[in-house]
mmCIF file of all heavy atoms, coordinates in Angstrom:
data_MODEL
# 
_entry.id   MODEL 
# 
loop_
_atom_site.group_PDB 
_atom_site.id 
_atom_site.type_symbol 
_atom_site.label_atom_id 
_atom_site.label_alt_id 
_atom_site.label_comp_id 
_atom_site.label_asym_id 
_atom_site.label_entity_id 
_atom_site.label_seq_id 
_atom_site.pdbx_PDB_ins_code 
_atom_site.Cartn_x 
_atom_site.Cartn_y 
_atom_site.Cartn_z 
_atom_site.occupancy 
_atom_site.B_iso_or_equiv 
_atom_site.pdbx_formal_charge 
_atom_site.auth_seq_id 
_atom_site.auth_comp_id 
_atom_site.auth_asym_id 
_atom_site.auth_atom_id 
_atom_site.pdbx_PDB_model_num 
ATOM 1   N N   . VAL A 1 1  ? -130.002 -108.625 11.156 1.00 0.00 ? 1  VAL A N   1 
ATOM 2   C CA  . VAL A 1 1  ? -128.925 -108.709 12.149 1.00 0.00 ? 1  VAL A CA  1 
ATOM 3   C C   . VAL A 1 1  ? -127.568 -108.863 11.463 1.00 0.00 ? 1  VAL A C   1 
ATOM 4   O O   . VAL A 1 1  ? -126.587 -108.212 11.837 1.00 0.00 ? 1  VAL A O   1 
ATOM 5   C CB  . VAL A 1 1  ? -129.187 -109.880 13.116 1.00 0.00 ? 1  VAL A CB  1 
ATOM 6   C CG1 . VAL A 1 1  ? -127.998 -110.087 14.042 1.00 0.00 ? 1  VAL A CG1 1 
ATOM 7   C CG2 . VAL A 1 1  ? -130.441 -109.623 13.928 1.00 0.00 ? 1  VAL A CG2 1 
ATOM 8   N N   . CYS A 1 2  ? -127.487 -109.703 10.447 1.00 0.00 ? 2  CYS A N   1 
ATOM 9   C CA  . CYS A 1 2  ? -126.226 -109.904 9.725  1.00 0.00 ? 2  CYS A CA  1 
ATOM 10  C C   . CYS A 1 2  ? -125.775 -108.616 9.040  1.00 0.00 ? 2  CYS A C   1 
ATOM 11  O O   . CYS A 1 2  ? -124.585 -108.294 9.027  1.00 0.00 ? 2  CYS A O   1 
ATOM 12  C CB  . CYS A 1 2  ? -126.374 -111.017 8.691  1.00 0.00 ? 2  CYS A CB  1 
ATOM 13  S SG  . CYS A 1 2  ? -126.564 -112.666 9.403  1.00 0.00 ? 2  CYS A SG  1 
ATOM 14  N N   . THR A 1 3  ? -126.723 -107.871 8.476  1.00 0.00 ? 3  THR A N   1 
ATOM 15  C CA  . THR A 1 3  ? -126.386 -106.610 7.812  1.00 0.00 ? 3  THR A CA  1 
ATOM 16  C C   . THR A 1 3  ? -125.807 -105.605 8.794  1.00 0.00 ? 3  THR A C   1 
ATOM 17  O O   . THR A 1 3  ? -124.817 -104.917 8.500  1.00 0.00 ? 3  THR A O   1 
ATOM 18  C CB  . THR A 1 3  ? -127.635 -106.013 7.128  1.00 0.00 ? 3  THR A CB  1 
ATOM 19  O OG1 . THR A 1 3  ? -128.139 -106.942 6.169  1.00 0.00 ? 3  THR A OG1 1 
ATOM 20  C CG2 . THR A 1 3  ? -127.312 -104.702 6.443  1.00 0.00 ? 3  THR A CG2 1 
ATOM 21  N N   . VAL A 1 4  ? -126.403 -105.509 9.970  1.00 0.00 ? 4  VAL A N   1 
ATOM 22  C CA  . VAL A 1 4  ? -125.885 -104.596 10.996 1.00 0.00 ? 4  VAL A CA  1 
ATOM 23  C C   . VAL A 1 4  ? -124.463 -104.985 11.389 1.00 0.00 ? 4  VAL A C   1 
ATOM 24  O O   . VAL A 1 4  ? -123.567 -104.139 11.506 1.00 0.00 ? 4  VAL A O   1 
ATOM 25  C CB  . VAL A 1 4  ? -126.809 -104.595 12.233 1.00 0.00 ? 4  VAL A CB  1 
ATOM 26  C CG1 . VAL A 1 4  ? -126.164 -103.828 13.390 1.00 0.00 ? 4  VAL A CG1 1 
ATOM 27  C CG2 . VAL A 1 4  ? -128.161 -103.983 11.886 1.00 0.00 ? 4  VAL A CG2 1 
ATOM 28  N N   . CYS A 1 5  ? -124.219 -106.289 11.588 1.00 0.00 ? 5  CYS A N   1 
ATOM 29  C CA  . CYS A 1 5  ? -122.878 -106.770 11.968 1.00 0.00 ? 5  CYS A CA  1 
ATOM 30  C C   . CYS A 1 5  ? -121.843 -106.401 10.908 1.00 0.00 ? 5  CYS A C   1 
ATOM 31  O O   . CYS A 1 5  ? -120.768 -105.868 11.229 1.00 0.00 ? 5  CYS A O   1 
ATOM 32  C CB  . CYS A 1 5  ? -122.902 -108.281 12.144 1.00 0.00 ? 5  CYS A CB  1 
ATOM 33  S SG  . CYS A 1 5  ? -123.810 -108.875 13.562 1.00 0.00 ? 5  CYS A SG  1 
ATOM 34  N N   . ILE A 1 6  ? -122.155 -106.679 9.665  1.00 0.00 ? 6  ILE A N   1 
ATOM 35  C CA  . ILE A 1 6  ? -121.215 -106.406 8.580  1.00 0.00 ? 6  ILE A CA  1 
ATOM 36  C C   . ILE A 1 6  ? -120.965 -104.912 8.461  1.00 0.00 ? 6  ILE A C   1 
ATOM 37  O O   . ILE A 1 6  ? -119.830 -104.473 8.241  1.00 0.00 ? 6  ILE A O   1 
ATOM 38  C CB  . ILE A 1 6  ? -121.760 -106.975 7.250  1.00 0.00 ? 6  ILE A CB  1 
ATOM 39  C CG1 . ILE A 1 6  ? -121.811 -108.498 7.318  1.00 0.00 ? 6  ILE A CG1 1 
ATOM 40  C CG2 . ILE A 1 6  ? -120.887 -106.541 6.080  1.00 0.00 ? 6  ILE A CG2 1 
ATOM 41  C CD1 . ILE A 1 6  ? -122.515 -109.140 6.135  1.00 0.00 ? 6  ILE A CD1 1 
ATOM 42  N N   . PHE A 1 7  ? -121.999 -104.124 8.660  1.00 0.00 ? 7  PHE A N   1 
ATOM 43  C CA  . PHE A 1 7  ? -121.886 -102.677 8.499  1.00 0.00 ? 7  PHE A CA  1 
ATOM 44  C C   . PHE A 1 7  ? -120.924 -102.060 9.510  1.00 0.00 ? 7  PHE A C   1 
ATOM 45  O O   . PHE A 1 7  ? -119.958 -101.389 9.149  1.00 0.00 ? 7  PHE A O   1 
ATOM 46  C CB  . PHE A 1 7  ? -123.273 -102.034 8.629  1.00 0.00 ? 7  PHE A CB  1 
ATOM 47  C CG  . PHE A 1 7  ? -123.261 -100.540 8.490  1.00 0.00 ? 7  PHE A CG  1 
ATOM 48  C CD1 . PHE A 1 7  ? -123.184 -99.949  7.240  1.00 0.00 ? 7  PHE A CD1 1 
ATOM 49  C CD2 . PHE A 1 7  ? -123.324 -99.719  9.609  1.00 0.00 ? 7  PHE A CD2 1 
ATOM 50  C CE1 . PHE A 1 7  ? -123.170 -98.563  7.102  1.00 0.00 ? 7  PHE A CE1 1 
ATOM 51  C CE2 . PHE A 1 7  ? -123.313 -98.344  9.491  1.00 0.00 ? 7  PHE A CE2 1 
ATOM 52  C CZ  . PHE A 1 7  ? -123.236 -97.762  8.227  1.00 0.00 ? 7  PHE A CZ  1 
ATOM 53  N N   . TYR A 1 8  ? -121.167 -102.313 10.815 1.00 0.00 ? 8  TYR A N   1 
ATOM 54  C CA  . TYR A 1 8  ? -120.316 -101.643 11.805 1.00 0.00 ? 8  TYR A CA  1 
ATOM 55  C C   . TYR A 1 8  ? -118.914 -102.228 11.836 1.00 0.00 ? 8  TYR A C   1 
ATOM 56  O O   . TYR A 1 8  ? -117.948 -101.535 12.167 1.00 0.00 ? 8  TYR A O   1 
ATOM 57  C CB  . TYR A 1 8  ? -120.970 -101.630 13.195 1.00 0.00 ? 8  TYR A CB  1 
ATOM 58  C CG  . TYR A 1 8  ? -121.041 -102.923 13.959 1.00 0.00 ? 8  TYR A CG  1 
ATOM 59  C CD1 . TYR A 1 8  ? -119.911 -103.537 14.479 1.00 0.00 ? 8  TYR A CD1 1 
ATOM 60  C CD2 . TYR A 1 8  ? -122.276 -103.507 14.244 1.00 0.00 ? 8  TYR A CD2 1 
ATOM 61  C CE1 . TYR A 1 8  ? -119.994 -104.705 15.214 1.00 0.00 ? 8  TYR A CE1 1 
ATOM 62  C CE2 . TYR A 1 8  ? -122.367 -104.673 14.989 1.00 0.00 ? 8  TYR A CE2 1 
ATOM 63  C CZ  . TYR A 1 8  ? -121.223 -105.259 15.472 1.00 0.00 ? 8  TYR A CZ  1 
ATOM 64  O OH  . TYR A 1 8  ? -121.316 -106.418 16.220 1.00 0.00 ? 8  TYR A OH  1 
ATOM 65  N N   . THR A 1 9  ? -118.760 -103.498 11.480 1.00 0.00 ? 9  THR A N   1 
ATOM 66  C CA  . THR A 1 9  ? -117.420 -104.086 11.432 1.00 0.00 ? 9  THR A CA  1 
ATOM 67  C C   . THR A 1 9  ? -116.617 -103.531 10.264 1.00 0.00 ? 9  THR A C   1 
ATOM 68  O O   . THR A 1 9  ? -115.433 -103.205 10.406 1.00 0.00 ? 9  THR A O   1 
ATOM 69  C CB  . THR A 1 9  ? -117.519 -105.616 11.294 1.00 0.00 ? 9  THR A CB  1 
ATOM 70  O OG1 . THR A 1 9  ? -118.288 -106.133 12.382 1.00 0.00 ? 9  THR A OG1 1 
ATOM 71  C CG2 . THR A 1 9  ? -116.144 -106.257 11.316 1.00 0.00 ? 9  THR A CG2 1 
ATOM 72  N N   . SER A 1 10 ? -117.245 -103.422 9.107  1.00 0.00 ? 10 SER A N   1 
ATOM 73  C CA  . SER A 1 10 ? -116.560 -102.923 7.915  1.00 0.00 ? 10 SER A CA  1 
ATOM 74  C C   . SER A 1 10 ? -116.097 -101.486 8.108  1.00 0.00 ? 10 SER A C   1 
ATOM 75  O O   . SER A 1 10 ? -115.004 -101.106 7.692  1.00 0.00 ? 10 SER A O   1 
ATOM 76  C CB  . SER A 1 10 ? -117.486 -103.008 6.694  1.00 0.00 ? 10 SER A CB  1 
ATOM 77  O OG  . SER A 1 10 ? -117.901 -104.329 6.471  1.00 0.00 ? 10 SER A OG  1 
ATOM 78  N N   . LEU A 1 11 ? -116.923 -100.688 8.755  1.00 0.00 ? 11 LEU A N   1 
ATOM 79  C CA  . LEU A 1 11 ? -116.588 -99.270  8.919  1.00 0.00 ? 11 LEU A CA  1 
ATOM 80  C C   . LEU A 1 11 ? -115.564 -99.036  10.019 1.00 0.00 ? 11 LEU A C   1 
ATOM 81  O O   . LEU A 1 11 ? -114.581 -98.327  9.834  1.00 0.00 ? 11 LEU A O   1 
ATOM 82  C CB  . LEU A 1 11 ? -117.857 -98.465  9.238  1.00 0.00 ? 11 LEU A CB  1 
ATOM 83  C CG  . LEU A 1 11 ? -118.821 -98.182  8.097  1.00 0.00 ? 11 LEU A CG  1 
ATOM 84  C CD1 . LEU A 1 11 ? -120.015 -97.377  8.619  1.00 0.00 ? 11 LEU A CD1 1 
ATOM 85  C CD2 . LEU A 1 11 ? -118.130 -97.422  6.977  1.00 0.00 ? 11 LEU A CD2 1 
ATOM 86  N N   . GLY A 1 12 ? -115.791 -99.641  11.190 1.00 0.00 ? 12 GLY A N   1 
ATOM 87  C CA  . GLY A 1 12 ? -115.014 -99.256  12.364 1.00 0.00 ? 12 GLY A CA  1 
ATOM 88  C C   . GLY A 1 12 ? -113.865 -100.148 12.738 1.00 0.00 ? 12 GLY A C   1 
ATOM 89  O O   . GLY A 1 12 ? -113.088 -99.808  13.641 1.00 0.00 ? 12 GLY A O   1 
ATOM 90  N N   . GLY A 1 13 ? -113.707 -101.312 12.083 1.00 0.00 ? 13 GLY A N   1 
ATOM 91  C CA  . GLY A 1 13 ? -112.600 -102.202 12.423 1.00 0.00 ? 13 GLY A CA  1 
ATOM 92  C C   . GLY A 1 13 ? -112.743 -102.787 13.812 1.00 0.00 ? 13 GLY A C   1 
ATOM 93  O O   . GLY A 1 13 ? -113.828 -102.850 14.392 1.00 0.00 ? 13 GLY A O   1 
ATOM 94  N N   . VAL A 1 14 ? -111.606 -103.179 14.383 1.00 0.00 ? 14 VAL A N   1 
ATOM 95  C CA  . VAL A 1 14 ? -111.641 -103.871 15.664 1.00 0.00 ? 14 VAL A CA  1 
ATOM 96  C C   . VAL A 1 14 ? -112.103 -102.957 16.794 1.00 0.00 ? 14 VAL A C   1 
ATOM 97  O O   . VAL A 1 14 ? -112.692 -103.414 17.776 1.00 0.00 ? 14 VAL A O   1 
ATOM 98  C CB  . VAL A 1 14 ? -110.254 -104.473 15.996 1.00 0.00 ? 14 VAL A CB  1 
ATOM 99  C CG1 . VAL A 1 14 ? -109.266 -103.387 16.418 1.00 0.00 ? 14 VAL A CG1 1 
ATOM 100 C CG2 . VAL A 1 14 ? -110.381 -105.542 17.083 1.00 0.00 ? 14 VAL A CG2 1 
ATOM 101 N N   . ARG A 1 15 ? -111.885 -101.643 16.674 1.00 0.00 ? 15 ARG A N   1 
ATOM 102 C CA  . ARG A 1 15 ? -112.361 -100.731 17.723 1.00 0.00 ? 15 ARG A CA  1 
ATOM 103 C C   . ARG A 1 15 ? -113.885 -100.751 17.804 1.00 0.00 ? 15 ARG A C   1 
ATOM 104 O O   . ARG A 1 15 ? -114.465 -100.792 18.895 1.00 0.00 ? 15 ARG A O   1 
ATOM 105 C CB  . ARG A 1 15 ? -111.863 -99.311  17.459 1.00 0.00 ? 15 ARG A CB  1 
ATOM 106 C CG  . ARG A 1 15 ? -110.370 -99.137  17.685 1.00 0.00 ? 15 ARG A CG  1 
ATOM 107 C CD  . ARG A 1 15 ? -109.941 -97.691  17.465 1.00 0.00 ? 15 ARG A CD  1 
ATOM 108 N NE  . ARG A 1 15 ? -108.516 -97.547  17.725 1.00 0.00 ? 15 ARG A NE  1 
ATOM 109 C CZ  . ARG A 1 15 ? -107.978 -97.363  18.926 1.00 0.00 ? 15 ARG A CZ  1 
ATOM 110 N NH1 . ARG A 1 15 ? -108.758 -97.289  19.982 1.00 0.00 ? 15 ARG A NH1 1 
ATOM 111 N NH2 . ARG A 1 15 ? -106.678 -97.261  19.073 1.00 0.00 ? 15 ARG A NH2 1 
ATOM 112 N N   . ALA A 1 16 ? -114.529 -100.714 16.653 1.00 0.00 ? 16 ALA A N   1 
ATOM 113 C CA  . ALA A 1 16 ? -115.987 -100.787 16.636 1.00 0.00 ? 16 ALA A CA  1 
ATOM 114 C C   . ALA A 1 16 ? -116.467 -102.129 17.162 1.00 0.00 ? 16 ALA A C   1 
ATOM 115 O O   . ALA A 1 16 ? -117.444 -102.208 17.910 1.00 0.00 ? 16 ALA A O   1 
ATOM 116 C CB  . ALA A 1 16 ? -116.506 -100.547 15.227 1.00 0.00 ? 16 ALA A CB  1 
ATOM 117 N N   . VAL A 1 17 ? -115.772 -103.193 16.781 1.00 0.00 ? 17 VAL A N   1 
ATOM 118 C CA  . VAL A 1 17 ? -116.137 -104.533 17.241 1.00 0.00 ? 17 VAL A CA  1 
ATOM 119 C C   . VAL A 1 17 ? -116.055 -104.621 18.759 1.00 0.00 ? 17 VAL A C   1 
ATOM 120 O O   . VAL A 1 17 ? -116.977 -105.102 19.433 1.00 0.00 ? 17 VAL A O   1 
ATOM 121 C CB  . VAL A 1 17 ? -115.230 -105.597 16.589 1.00 0.00 ? 17 VAL A CB  1 
ATOM 122 C CG1 . VAL A 1 17 ? -115.431 -106.954 17.249 1.00 0.00 ? 17 VAL A CG1 1 
ATOM 123 C CG2 . VAL A 1 17 ? -115.506 -105.699 15.095 1.00 0.00 ? 17 VAL A CG2 1 
ATOM 124 N N   . VAL A 1 18 ? -114.951 -104.129 19.318 1.00 0.00 ? 18 VAL A N   1 
ATOM 125 C CA  . VAL A 1 18 ? -114.741 -104.220 20.765 1.00 0.00 ? 18 VAL A CA  1 
ATOM 126 C C   . VAL A 1 18 ? -115.784 -103.406 21.526 1.00 0.00 ? 18 VAL A C   1 
ATOM 127 O O   . VAL A 1 18 ? -116.369 -103.878 22.506 1.00 0.00 ? 18 VAL A O   1 
ATOM 128 C CB  . VAL A 1 18 ? -113.308 -103.759 21.118 1.00 0.00 ? 18 VAL A CB  1 
ATOM 129 C CG1 . VAL A 1 18 ? -113.176 -103.529 22.621 1.00 0.00 ? 18 VAL A CG1 1 
ATOM 130 C CG2 . VAL A 1 18 ? -112.289 -104.797 20.666 1.00 0.00 ? 18 VAL A CG2 1 
ATOM 131 N N   . TRP A 1 19 ? -116.039 -102.179 21.083 1.00 0.00 ? 19 TRP A N   1 
ATOM 132 C CA  . TRP A 1 19 ? -116.973 -101.329 21.819 1.00 0.00 ? 19 TRP A CA  1 
ATOM 133 C C   . TRP A 1 19 ? -118.417 -101.761 21.647 1.00 0.00 ? 19 TRP A C   1 
ATOM 134 O O   . TRP A 1 19 ? -119.231 -101.620 22.572 1.00 0.00 ? 19 TRP A O   1 
ATOM 135 C CB  . TRP A 1 19 ? -116.782 -99.871  21.429 1.00 0.00 ? 19 TRP A CB  1 
ATOM 136 C CG  . TRP A 1 19 ? -115.593 -99.261  22.126 1.00 0.00 ? 19 TRP A CG  1 
ATOM 137 C CD1 . TRP A 1 19 ? -114.377 -98.963  21.594 1.00 0.00 ? 19 TRP A CD1 1 
ATOM 138 C CD2 . TRP A 1 19 ? -115.528 -98.906  23.512 1.00 0.00 ? 19 TRP A CD2 1 
ATOM 139 N NE1 . TRP A 1 19 ? -113.551 -98.442  22.562 1.00 0.00 ? 19 TRP A NE1 1 
ATOM 140 C CE2 . TRP A 1 19 ? -114.221 -98.391  23.746 1.00 0.00 ? 19 TRP A CE2 1 
ATOM 141 C CE3 . TRP A 1 19 ? -116.418 -98.965  24.571 1.00 0.00 ? 19 TRP A CE3 1 
ATOM 142 C CZ2 . TRP A 1 19 ? -113.811 -97.933  24.990 1.00 0.00 ? 19 TRP A CZ2 1 
ATOM 143 C CZ3 . TRP A 1 19 ? -116.010 -98.516  25.826 1.00 0.00 ? 19 TRP A CZ3 1 
ATOM 144 C CH2 . TRP A 1 19 ? -114.716 -98.016  26.014 1.00 0.00 ? 19 TRP A CH2 1 
ATOM 145 N N   . THR A 1 20 ? -118.784 -102.289 20.481 1.00 0.00 ? 20 THR A N   1 
ATOM 146 C CA  . THR A 1 20 ? -120.136 -102.831 20.349 1.00 0.00 ? 20 THR A CA  1 
ATOM 147 C C   . THR A 1 20 ? -120.278 -104.094 21.190 1.00 0.00 ? 20 THR A C   1 
ATOM 148 O O   . THR A 1 20 ? -121.326 -104.313 21.810 1.00 0.00 ? 20 THR A O   1 
ATOM 149 C CB  . THR A 1 20 ? -120.470 -103.154 18.878 1.00 0.00 ? 20 THR A CB  1 
ATOM 150 O OG1 . THR A 1 20 ? -119.431 -103.942 18.298 1.00 0.00 ? 20 THR A OG1 1 
ATOM 151 C CG2 . THR A 1 20 ? -120.663 -101.892 18.067 1.00 0.00 ? 20 THR A CG2 1 
ATOM 152 N N   . ASP A 1 21 ? -119.230 -104.916 21.232 1.00 0.00 ? 21 ASP A N   1 
ATOM 153 C CA  . ASP A 1 21 ? -119.252 -106.084 22.116 1.00 0.00 ? 21 ASP A CA  1 
ATOM 154 C C   . ASP A 1 21 ? -119.437 -105.665 23.570 1.00 0.00 ? 21 ASP A C   1 
ATOM 155 O O   . ASP A 1 21 ? -120.152 -106.325 24.337 1.00 0.00 ? 21 ASP A O   1 
ATOM 156 C CB  . ASP A 1 21 ? -117.952 -106.883 21.976 1.00 0.00 ? 21 ASP A CB  1 
ATOM 157 C CG  . ASP A 1 21 ? -117.943 -107.756 20.731 1.00 0.00 ? 21 ASP A CG  1 
ATOM 158 O OD1 . ASP A 1 21 ? -119.003 -107.878 20.094 1.00 0.00 ? 21 ASP A OD1 1 
ATOM 159 O OD2 . ASP A 1 21 ? -116.876 -108.301 20.397 1.00 0.00 ? 21 ASP A OD2 1 
ATOM 160 N N   . CYS A 1 22 ? -118.779 -104.573 23.952 1.00 0.00 ? 22 CYS A N   1 
ATOM 161 C CA  . CYS A 1 22 ? -118.888 -104.067 25.323 1.00 0.00 ? 22 CYS A CA  1 
ATOM 162 C C   . CYS A 1 22 ? -120.334 -103.677 25.629 1.00 0.00 ? 22 CYS A C   1 
ATOM 163 O O   . CYS A 1 22 ? -120.900 -104.054 26.663 1.00 0.00 ? 22 CYS A O   1 
ATOM 164 C CB  . CYS A 1 22 ? -117.955 -102.872 25.500 1.00 0.00 ? 22 CYS A CB  1 
ATOM 165 S SG  . CYS A 1 22 ? -117.897 -102.220 27.181 1.00 0.00 ? 22 CYS A SG  1 
ATOM 166 N N   . LEU A 1 23 ? -120.931 -102.902 24.711 1.00 0.00 ? 23 LEU A N   1 
ATOM 167 C CA  . LEU A 1 23 ? -122.333 -102.508 24.871 1.00 0.00 ? 23 LEU A CA  1 
ATOM 168 C C   . LEU A 1 23 ? -123.240 -103.725 24.936 1.00 0.00 ? 23 LEU A C   1 
ATOM 169 O O   . LEU A 1 23 ? -124.136 -103.824 25.795 1.00 0.00 ? 23 LEU A O   1 
ATOM 170 C CB  . LEU A 1 23 ? -122.738 -101.601 23.699 1.00 0.00 ? 23 LEU A CB  1 
ATOM 171 C CG  . LEU A 1 23 ? -124.230 -101.303 23.537 1.00 0.00 ? 23 LEU A CG  1 
ATOM 172 C CD1 . LEU A 1 23 ? -124.731 -100.476 24.709 1.00 0.00 ? 23 LEU A CD1 1 
ATOM 173 C CD2 . LEU A 1 23 ? -124.498 -100.581 22.217 1.00 0.00 ? 23 LEU A CD2 1 
ATOM 174 N N   . GLN A 1 24 ? -123.006 -104.667 24.047 1.00 0.00 ? 24 GLN A N   1 
ATOM 175 C CA  . GLN A 1 24 ? -123.871 -105.839 23.970 1.00 0.00 ? 24 GLN A CA  1 
ATOM 176 C C   . GLN A 1 24 ? -123.705 -106.747 25.185 1.00 0.00 ? 24 GLN A C   1 
ATOM 177 O O   . GLN A 1 24 ? -124.677 -107.364 25.648 1.00 0.00 ? 24 GLN A O   1 
ATOM 178 C CB  . GLN A 1 24 ? -123.565 -106.598 22.673 1.00 0.00 ? 24 GLN A CB  1 
ATOM 179 C CG  . GLN A 1 24 ? -123.956 -105.826 21.423 1.00 0.00 ? 24 GLN A CG  1 
ATOM 180 C CD  . GLN A 1 24 ? -123.186 -106.244 20.184 1.00 0.00 ? 24 GLN A CD  1 
ATOM 181 O OE1 . GLN A 1 24 ? -122.443 -107.226 20.205 1.00 0.00 ? 24 GLN A OE1 1 
ATOM 182 N NE2 . GLN A 1 24 ? -123.341 -105.493 19.106 1.00 0.00 ? 24 GLN A NE2 1 
ATOM 183 N N   . THR A 1 25 ? -122.496 -106.839 25.723 1.00 0.00 ? 25 THR A N   1 
ATOM 184 C CA  . THR A 1 25 ? -122.275 -107.662 26.919 1.00 0.00 ? 25 THR A CA  1 
ATOM 185 C C   . THR A 1 25 ? -123.025 -107.088 28.109 1.00 0.00 ? 25 THR A C   1 
ATOM 186 O O   . THR A 1 25 ? -123.626 -107.827 28.897 1.00 0.00 ? 25 THR A O   1 
ATOM 187 C CB  . THR A 1 25 ? -120.772 -107.739 27.242 1.00 0.00 ? 25 THR A CB  1 
ATOM 188 O OG1 . THR A 1 25 ? -120.077 -108.334 26.146 1.00 0.00 ? 25 THR A OG1 1 
ATOM 189 C CG2 . THR A 1 25 ? -120.529 -108.572 28.491 1.00 0.00 ? 25 THR A CG2 1 
ATOM 190 N N   . ILE A 1 26 ? -123.005 -105.764 28.237 1.00 0.00 ? 26 ILE A N   1 
ATOM 191 C CA  . ILE A 1 26 ? -123.724 -105.119 29.336 1.00 0.00 ? 26 ILE A CA  1 
ATOM 192 C C   . ILE A 1 26 ? -125.213 -105.409 29.234 1.00 0.00 ? 26 ILE A C   1 
ATOM 193 O O   . ILE A 1 26 ? -125.871 -105.751 30.234 1.00 0.00 ? 26 ILE A O   1 
ATOM 194 C CB  . ILE A 1 26 ? -123.452 -103.600 29.324 1.00 0.00 ? 26 ILE A CB  1 
ATOM 195 C CG1 . ILE A 1 26 ? -121.984 -103.328 29.691 1.00 0.00 ? 26 ILE A CG1 1 
ATOM 196 C CG2 . ILE A 1 26 ? -124.382 -102.878 30.305 1.00 0.00 ? 26 ILE A CG2 1 
ATOM 197 C CD1 . ILE A 1 26 ? -121.572 -101.888 29.545 1.00 0.00 ? 26 ILE A CD1 1 
# 
């Protein structure tokens, strides 16, 4: 789980963070 978090955050910045949060909240 930690590896996945670091991976998408490092690549996509805050846009990736926001949209993954959106998916995860749903």
